[in-house]
Amino acid sequence: MKFSYSQFPGLDGESVYRPSIRIFLKYQNRFIFTEGFVDSGADYTILPLEFAGELGLKLDVNAKTKFIGAGKNPFVVYPSKVKIKHVIRQSGFRNLEWESKVYFAESQPGILLGNCGFLDHFRVILDGLKKEIEII
């Protein structure tokens, strides 16, 4: 499966391209269809805290911990107690489906598909020249 990078406005009026994919997240009978950014620098898959509520998950506030992000900025995360189903769909291909535990972060604007929970399930090729992601 191949996907084009997403295009965003840059600082100098030029476009910035980021490796991202459309993804379904599902737990029991609830699901979210969203975009996730492939982040080889992220140790774990991290979702916005609001998604836990949308999926009907109860998080253990006593299990919260801190991760260190880019720029050595700390942020608070809550581990999921259960595995979340992930589904990637593309016309002409069979669905890619897997389950993994994730972390929910306060003040997280988007999804980071990290090493544990995404990259450890597939061979992923990031082609910056073509601005494409290939998932094998």
N, C-alpha and C. Protein backbone atom coordinates (compact mmCIF):
# COMPACT_ATOMS: atom_id res chain seq x y z
N MET A 1 0.84 -1.19 0.00
CA MET A 1 0.00 0.00 0.00
C MET A 1 0.88 1.24 0.00
N LYS A 2 0.53 2.18 -0.84
CA LYS A 2 1.26 3.44 -0.88
C LYS A 2 0.30 4.59 -0.60
N PHE A 3 0.83 5.58 0.11
CA PHE A 3 0.06 6.77 0.47
C PHE A 3 0.93 7.99 0.22
N SER A 4 0.30 9.07 -0.23
CA SER A 4 1.01 10.33 -0.41
C SER A 4 1.13 11.06 0.92
N TYR A 5 2.23 11.77 1.08
CA TYR A 5 2.39 12.62 2.26
C TYR A 5 1.28 13.68 2.26
N SER A 6 0.95 14.20 3.42
CA SER A 6 0.00 15.31 3.53
C SER A 6 0.74 16.63 3.40
N GLN A 7 0.10 17.59 2.78
CA GLN A 7 0.70 18.89 2.53
C GLN A 7 0.15 19.92 3.52
N PHE A 8 1.06 20.71 4.09
CA PHE A 8 0.70 21.75 5.06
C PHE A 8 1.43 23.03 4.70
N PRO A 9 0.88 24.19 5.08
CA PRO A 9 1.59 25.45 4.81
C PRO A 9 2.84 25.56 5.67
N GLY A 10 3.93 26.00 5.07
CA GLY A 10 5.18 26.20 5.78
C GLY A 10 5.35 27.64 6.21
N LEU A 11 6.46 27.93 6.85
CA LEU A 11 6.72 29.28 7.37
C LEU A 11 6.98 30.30 6.27
N ASP A 12 7.65 29.90 5.21
CA ASP A 12 8.04 30.84 4.16
C ASP A 12 7.08 30.84 2.98
N GLY A 13 5.85 30.39 3.19
CA GLY A 13 4.90 30.31 2.10
C GLY A 13 5.06 29.07 1.25
N GLU A 14 6.08 28.28 1.55
CA GLU A 14 6.27 27.02 0.83
C GLU A 14 5.58 25.91 1.60
N SER A 15 5.27 24.84 0.90
CA SER A 15 4.57 23.72 1.53
C SER A 15 5.54 22.83 2.31
N VAL A 16 5.01 22.23 3.38
CA VAL A 16 5.71 21.23 4.16
C VAL A 16 4.93 19.94 3.99
N TYR A 17 5.63 18.83 3.79
CA TYR A 17 4.98 17.54 3.58
C TYR A 17 5.30 16.63 4.76
N ARG A 18 4.27 15.94 5.25
CA ARG A 18 4.45 15.05 6.40
C ARG A 18 3.91 13.66 6.06
N PRO A 19 4.63 12.63 6.50
CA PRO A 19 4.14 11.26 6.24
C PRO A 19 2.95 10.95 7.14
N SER A 20 1.79 10.82 6.52
CA SER A 20 0.58 10.55 7.30
C SER A 20 -0.32 9.60 6.53
N ILE A 21 -1.19 8.92 7.28
CA ILE A 21 -2.14 7.99 6.68
C ILE A 21 -3.49 8.14 7.36
N ARG A 22 -4.54 7.84 6.63
CA ARG A 22 -5.90 7.81 7.18
C ARG A 22 -6.05 6.47 7.90
N ILE A 23 -6.62 6.51 9.09
CA ILE A 23 -6.69 5.31 9.91
C ILE A 23 -7.98 5.27 10.72
N PHE A 24 -8.53 4.07 10.89
CA PHE A 24 -9.67 3.85 11.78
C PHE A 24 -9.13 3.33 13.11
N LEU A 25 -9.65 3.86 14.19
CA LEU A 25 -9.36 3.35 15.53
C LEU A 25 -10.67 2.83 16.08
N LYS A 26 -10.66 1.62 16.64
CA LYS A 26 -11.91 1.00 17.07
C LYS A 26 -11.72 0.32 18.41
N TYR A 27 -12.72 0.49 19.28
CA TYR A 27 -12.79 -0.24 20.53
C TYR A 27 -14.27 -0.58 20.76
N GLN A 28 -14.55 -1.85 20.89
CA GLN A 28 -15.91 -2.37 21.01
C GLN A 28 -16.75 -1.84 19.84
N ASN A 29 -17.82 -1.10 20.10
CA ASN A 29 -18.68 -0.63 19.01
C ASN A 29 -18.46 0.83 18.66
N ARG A 30 -17.37 1.41 19.14
CA ARG A 30 -17.07 2.82 18.84
C ARG A 30 -15.83 2.91 17.96
N PHE A 31 -15.85 3.89 17.07
CA PHE A 31 -14.68 4.05 16.21
C PHE A 31 -14.46 5.51 15.87
N ILE A 32 -13.23 5.81 15.47
CA ILE A 32 -12.82 7.15 15.04
C ILE A 32 -12.08 6.98 13.72
N PHE A 33 -12.41 7.80 12.74
CA PHE A 33 -11.70 7.82 11.47
C PHE A 33 -10.89 9.11 11.46
N THR A 34 -9.58 9.01 11.36
CA THR A 34 -8.74 10.18 11.50
C THR A 34 -7.45 10.02 10.70
N GLU A 35 -6.55 10.95 10.85
CA GLU A 35 -5.26 10.90 10.19
C GLU A 35 -4.18 10.75 11.24
N GLY A 36 -3.22 9.88 10.99
CA GLY A 36 -2.11 9.69 11.91
C GLY A 36 -0.79 9.98 11.22
N PHE A 37 0.13 10.58 11.95
CA PHE A 37 1.45 10.91 11.42
C PHE A 37 2.43 9.81 11.77
N VAL A 38 3.11 9.27 10.78
CA VAL A 38 4.13 8.26 11.00
C VAL A 38 5.34 8.95 11.61
N ASP A 39 5.74 8.50 12.80
CA ASP A 39 6.81 9.18 13.54
C ASP A 39 7.82 8.15 14.02
N SER A 40 8.89 7.99 13.27
CA SER A 40 9.92 7.02 13.65
C SER A 40 10.68 7.44 14.90
N GLY A 41 10.53 8.70 15.31
CA GLY A 41 11.17 9.17 16.54
C GLY A 41 10.32 8.97 17.77
N ALA A 42 9.08 8.55 17.59
CA ALA A 42 8.18 8.31 18.73
C ALA A 42 8.32 6.85 19.16
N ASP A 43 8.57 6.63 20.43
CA ASP A 43 8.70 5.27 20.94
C ASP A 43 7.38 4.53 20.91
N TYR A 44 6.28 5.25 21.13
CA TYR A 44 4.96 4.64 21.24
C TYR A 44 3.95 5.36 20.36
N THR A 45 2.83 4.70 20.11
CA THR A 45 1.72 5.35 19.44
C THR A 45 0.98 6.18 20.48
N ILE A 46 0.77 7.45 20.15
CA ILE A 46 0.19 8.40 21.10
C ILE A 46 -1.04 9.06 20.46
N LEU A 47 -2.14 9.03 21.19
CA LEU A 47 -3.40 9.62 20.74
C LEU A 47 -3.78 10.79 21.64
N PRO A 48 -4.59 11.73 21.13
CA PRO A 48 -5.10 12.79 21.99
C PRO A 48 -5.97 12.22 23.11
N LEU A 49 -5.90 12.80 24.27
CA LEU A 49 -6.65 12.34 25.45
C LEU A 49 -8.15 12.27 25.16
N GLU A 50 -8.67 13.19 24.35
CA GLU A 50 -10.09 13.22 24.03
C GLU A 50 -10.56 11.93 23.35
N PHE A 51 -9.66 11.27 22.64
CA PHE A 51 -10.03 10.04 21.94
C PHE A 51 -10.41 8.92 22.91
N ALA A 52 -9.84 8.93 24.11
CA ALA A 52 -10.20 7.90 25.10
C ALA A 52 -11.69 7.99 25.40
N GLY A 53 -12.20 9.20 25.59
CA GLY A 53 -13.62 9.40 25.85
C GLY A 53 -14.47 9.01 24.65
N GLU A 54 -14.03 9.38 23.45
CA GLU A 54 -14.79 9.05 22.25
C GLU A 54 -14.88 7.54 22.03
N LEU A 55 -13.85 6.82 22.45
CA LEU A 55 -13.83 5.37 22.31
C LEU A 55 -14.47 4.66 23.51
N GLY A 56 -14.86 5.43 24.53
CA GLY A 56 -15.50 4.84 25.70
C GLY A 56 -14.54 4.16 26.66
N LEU A 57 -13.31 4.61 26.67
CA LEU A 57 -12.30 4.02 27.56
C LEU A 57 -12.20 4.78 28.87
N LYS A 58 -12.03 4.05 29.93
CA LYS A 58 -11.76 4.66 31.23
C LYS A 58 -10.26 4.50 31.50
N LEU A 59 -9.61 5.61 31.76
CA LEU A 59 -8.17 5.59 32.00
C LEU A 59 -7.89 5.65 33.49
N ASP A 60 -6.82 5.00 33.90
CA ASP A 60 -6.40 4.99 35.29
C ASP A 60 -5.53 6.22 35.53
N VAL A 61 -6.06 7.21 36.24
CA VAL A 61 -5.31 8.45 36.48
C VAL A 61 -4.07 8.20 37.32
N ASN A 62 -4.05 7.12 38.09
CA ASN A 62 -2.88 6.79 38.89
C ASN A 62 -1.75 6.20 38.05
N ALA A 63 -2.06 5.78 36.83
CA ALA A 63 -1.04 5.17 35.96
C ALA A 63 -0.37 6.21 35.06
N LYS A 64 -0.74 7.48 35.21
CA LYS A 64 -0.16 8.49 34.32
C LYS A 64 1.35 8.58 34.53
N THR A 65 2.01 8.95 33.45
CA THR A 65 3.46 9.10 33.48
C THR A 65 3.84 10.25 32.56
N LYS A 66 5.11 10.56 32.50
CA LYS A 66 5.57 11.63 31.61
C LYS A 66 6.49 11.04 30.55
N PHE A 67 6.30 11.53 29.34
CA PHE A 67 7.20 11.24 28.23
C PHE A 67 7.95 12.53 27.92
N ILE A 68 9.08 12.38 27.29
CA ILE A 68 9.86 13.54 26.85
C ILE A 68 9.75 13.60 25.33
N GLY A 69 9.25 14.72 24.82
CA GLY A 69 9.06 14.89 23.39
C GLY A 69 10.20 15.62 22.73
N ALA A 70 9.97 15.98 21.49
CA ALA A 70 10.96 16.75 20.74
C ALA A 70 11.29 18.03 21.49
N GLY A 71 12.52 18.41 21.49
CA GLY A 71 12.94 19.60 22.21
C GLY A 71 13.03 19.37 23.70
N LYS A 72 12.99 18.11 24.11
CA LYS A 72 13.08 17.71 25.52
C LYS A 72 11.94 18.27 26.36
N ASN A 73 10.78 18.46 25.72
CA ASN A 73 9.60 18.95 26.42
C ASN A 73 8.82 17.78 27.02
N PRO A 74 8.59 17.80 28.35
CA PRO A 74 7.82 16.71 28.96
C PRO A 74 6.32 16.90 28.72
N PHE A 75 5.59 15.78 28.62
CA PHE A 75 4.14 15.83 28.53
C PHE A 75 3.57 14.60 29.22
N VAL A 76 2.34 14.74 29.73
CA VAL A 76 1.69 13.69 30.51
C VAL A 76 0.94 12.74 29.59
N VAL A 77 1.08 11.42 29.85
CA VAL A 77 0.38 10.40 29.08
C VAL A 77 -0.28 9.40 30.03
N TYR A 78 -1.34 8.77 29.52
CA TYR A 78 -2.06 7.74 30.24
C TYR A 78 -2.07 6.48 29.37
N PRO A 79 -1.59 5.35 29.90
CA PRO A 79 -1.61 4.13 29.09
C PRO A 79 -3.01 3.54 28.98
N SER A 80 -3.29 2.95 27.83
CA SER A 80 -4.56 2.23 27.70
C SER A 80 -4.41 0.89 28.41
N LYS A 81 -5.48 0.46 29.06
CA LYS A 81 -5.47 -0.84 29.73
C LYS A 81 -5.76 -1.96 28.74
N VAL A 82 -6.38 -1.60 27.63
CA VAL A 82 -6.80 -2.58 26.62
C VAL A 82 -6.17 -2.24 25.28
N LYS A 83 -6.21 -3.21 24.38
CA LYS A 83 -5.71 -2.98 23.03
C LYS A 83 -6.78 -2.30 22.19
N ILE A 84 -6.35 -1.37 21.38
CA ILE A 84 -7.21 -0.65 20.45
C ILE A 84 -6.99 -1.25 19.06
N LYS A 85 -8.08 -1.48 18.34
CA LYS A 85 -7.96 -2.00 16.98
C LYS A 85 -7.65 -0.85 16.03
N HIS A 86 -6.69 -1.07 15.15
CA HIS A 86 -6.29 -0.12 14.12
C HIS A 86 -6.60 -0.73 12.77
N VAL A 87 -7.13 0.06 11.86
CA VAL A 87 -7.44 -0.43 10.51
C VAL A 87 -7.02 0.64 9.50
N ILE A 88 -6.26 0.19 8.49
CA ILE A 88 -5.91 1.05 7.36
C ILE A 88 -6.57 0.45 6.14
N ARG A 89 -7.30 1.29 5.42
CA ARG A 89 -8.02 0.84 4.22
C ARG A 89 -7.51 1.59 3.00
N GLN A 90 -7.45 0.85 1.91
CA GLN A 90 -7.15 1.48 0.62
C GLN A 90 -7.80 0.64 -0.46
N SER A 91 -8.47 1.29 -1.38
CA SER A 91 -9.17 0.61 -2.46
C SER A 91 -8.22 -0.30 -3.23
N GLY A 92 -8.67 -1.53 -3.48
CA GLY A 92 -7.87 -2.48 -4.23
C GLY A 92 -6.95 -3.33 -3.38
N PHE A 93 -6.89 -3.07 -2.09
CA PHE A 93 -6.03 -3.82 -1.18
C PHE A 93 -6.87 -4.37 -0.03
N ARG A 94 -6.39 -5.46 0.57
CA ARG A 94 -7.05 -5.95 1.78
C ARG A 94 -6.70 -5.00 2.92
N ASN A 95 -7.61 -4.89 3.87
CA ASN A 95 -7.37 -4.02 5.02
C ASN A 95 -6.15 -4.49 5.81
N LEU A 96 -5.41 -3.55 6.34
CA LEU A 96 -4.36 -3.85 7.31
C LEU A 96 -4.98 -3.63 8.68
N GLU A 97 -5.00 -4.67 9.50
CA GLU A 97 -5.62 -4.59 10.82
C GLU A 97 -4.69 -5.15 11.87
N TRP A 98 -4.63 -4.48 13.00
CA TRP A 98 -3.84 -4.97 14.13
C TRP A 98 -4.38 -4.33 15.40
N GLU A 99 -3.99 -4.88 16.52
CA GLU A 99 -4.39 -4.34 17.82
C GLU A 99 -3.14 -4.03 18.62
N SER A 100 -3.20 -2.94 19.36
CA SER A 100 -2.08 -2.60 20.24
C SER A 100 -2.55 -1.67 21.34
N LYS A 101 -1.80 -1.68 22.40
CA LYS A 101 -2.02 -0.70 23.46
C LYS A 101 -1.40 0.62 23.01
N VAL A 102 -1.99 1.70 23.45
CA VAL A 102 -1.54 3.03 23.06
C VAL A 102 -1.44 3.90 24.31
N TYR A 103 -0.96 5.09 24.13
CA TYR A 103 -0.94 6.09 25.19
C TYR A 103 -1.80 7.27 24.77
N PHE A 104 -2.49 7.86 25.73
CA PHE A 104 -3.30 9.04 25.49
C PHE A 104 -2.61 10.22 26.17
N ALA A 105 -2.41 11.29 25.41
CA ALA A 105 -1.64 12.43 25.91
C ALA A 105 -2.49 13.67 26.08
N GLU A 106 -2.22 14.38 27.16
CA GLU A 106 -2.81 15.70 27.35
C GLU A 106 -2.17 16.64 26.34
N SER A 107 -2.93 17.56 25.82
CA SER A 107 -2.43 18.58 24.88
C SER A 107 -1.77 17.99 23.65
N GLN A 108 -2.30 16.87 23.17
CA GLN A 108 -1.78 16.24 21.94
C GLN A 108 -2.72 16.59 20.80
N PRO A 109 -2.28 17.37 19.83
CA PRO A 109 -3.18 17.78 18.76
C PRO A 109 -3.49 16.70 17.73
N GLY A 110 -2.63 15.71 17.61
CA GLY A 110 -2.85 14.68 16.59
C GLY A 110 -2.31 13.34 17.03
N ILE A 111 -2.39 12.39 16.13
CA ILE A 111 -1.94 11.02 16.40
C ILE A 111 -0.51 10.85 15.91
N LEU A 112 0.32 10.27 16.77
CA LEU A 112 1.66 9.89 16.38
C LEU A 112 1.70 8.37 16.32
N LEU A 113 1.96 7.84 15.14
CA LEU A 113 2.09 6.40 14.96
C LEU A 113 3.56 6.05 15.15
N GLY A 114 3.89 5.55 16.33
CA GLY A 114 5.28 5.34 16.71
C GLY A 114 5.76 3.91 16.56
N ASN A 115 6.94 3.66 17.13
CA ASN A 115 7.58 2.36 17.01
C ASN A 115 6.76 1.24 17.62
N CYS A 116 6.35 1.40 18.88
CA CYS A 116 5.50 0.40 19.52
C CYS A 116 4.05 0.75 19.22
N GLY A 117 3.37 -0.13 18.55
CA GLY A 117 1.97 0.11 18.22
C GLY A 117 1.71 0.36 16.75
N PHE A 118 2.77 0.64 15.97
CA PHE A 118 2.60 0.79 14.53
C PHE A 118 3.81 0.24 13.77
N LEU A 119 4.94 0.90 13.89
CA LEU A 119 6.10 0.50 13.11
C LEU A 119 6.57 -0.92 13.41
N ASP A 120 6.28 -1.42 14.61
CA ASP A 120 6.68 -2.79 14.96
C ASP A 120 5.78 -3.85 14.32
N HIS A 121 4.75 -3.43 13.59
CA HIS A 121 3.84 -4.36 12.92
C HIS A 121 4.09 -4.50 11.42
N PHE A 122 4.86 -3.57 10.82
CA PHE A 122 4.99 -3.53 9.37
C PHE A 122 6.40 -3.13 8.95
N ARG A 123 6.65 -3.35 7.69
CA ARG A 123 7.81 -2.75 7.05
C ARG A 123 7.29 -1.46 6.43
N VAL A 124 7.85 -0.33 6.82
CA VAL A 124 7.38 0.97 6.35
C VAL A 124 8.54 1.70 5.67
N ILE A 125 8.28 2.14 4.45
CA ILE A 125 9.30 2.87 3.70
C ILE A 125 8.81 4.31 3.54
N LEU A 126 9.60 5.25 4.02
CA LEU A 126 9.31 6.68 3.86
C LEU A 126 10.18 7.19 2.72
N ASP A 127 9.57 7.61 1.63
CA ASP A 127 10.29 8.10 0.47
C ASP A 127 10.07 9.61 0.37
N GLY A 128 11.00 10.34 0.95
CA GLY A 128 10.89 11.80 0.95
C GLY A 128 10.95 12.42 -0.43
N LEU A 129 11.68 11.81 -1.35
CA LEU A 129 11.78 12.37 -2.71
C LEU A 129 10.44 12.28 -3.43
N LYS A 130 9.75 11.16 -3.29
CA LYS A 130 8.45 11.00 -3.94
C LYS A 130 7.30 11.46 -3.04
N LYS A 131 7.62 11.76 -1.79
CA LYS A 131 6.61 12.14 -0.80
C LYS A 131 5.55 11.05 -0.68
N GLU A 132 6.05 9.82 -0.47
CA GLU A 132 5.18 8.65 -0.35
C GLU A 132 5.57 7.78 0.83
N ILE A 133 4.57 7.12 1.38
CA ILE A 133 4.77 6.10 2.41
C ILE A 133 4.34 4.79 1.79
N GLU A 134 5.15 3.77 1.97
CA GLU A 134 4.76 2.42 1.53
C GLU A 134 4.73 1.52 2.75
N ILE A 135 3.61 0.83 2.93
CA ILE A 135 3.45 -0.10 4.04
C ILE A 135 3.39 -1.50 3.46
N ILE A 136 4.28 -2.35 3.92
CA ILE A 136 4.36 -3.73 3.42
C ILE A 136 4.10 -4.69 4.56
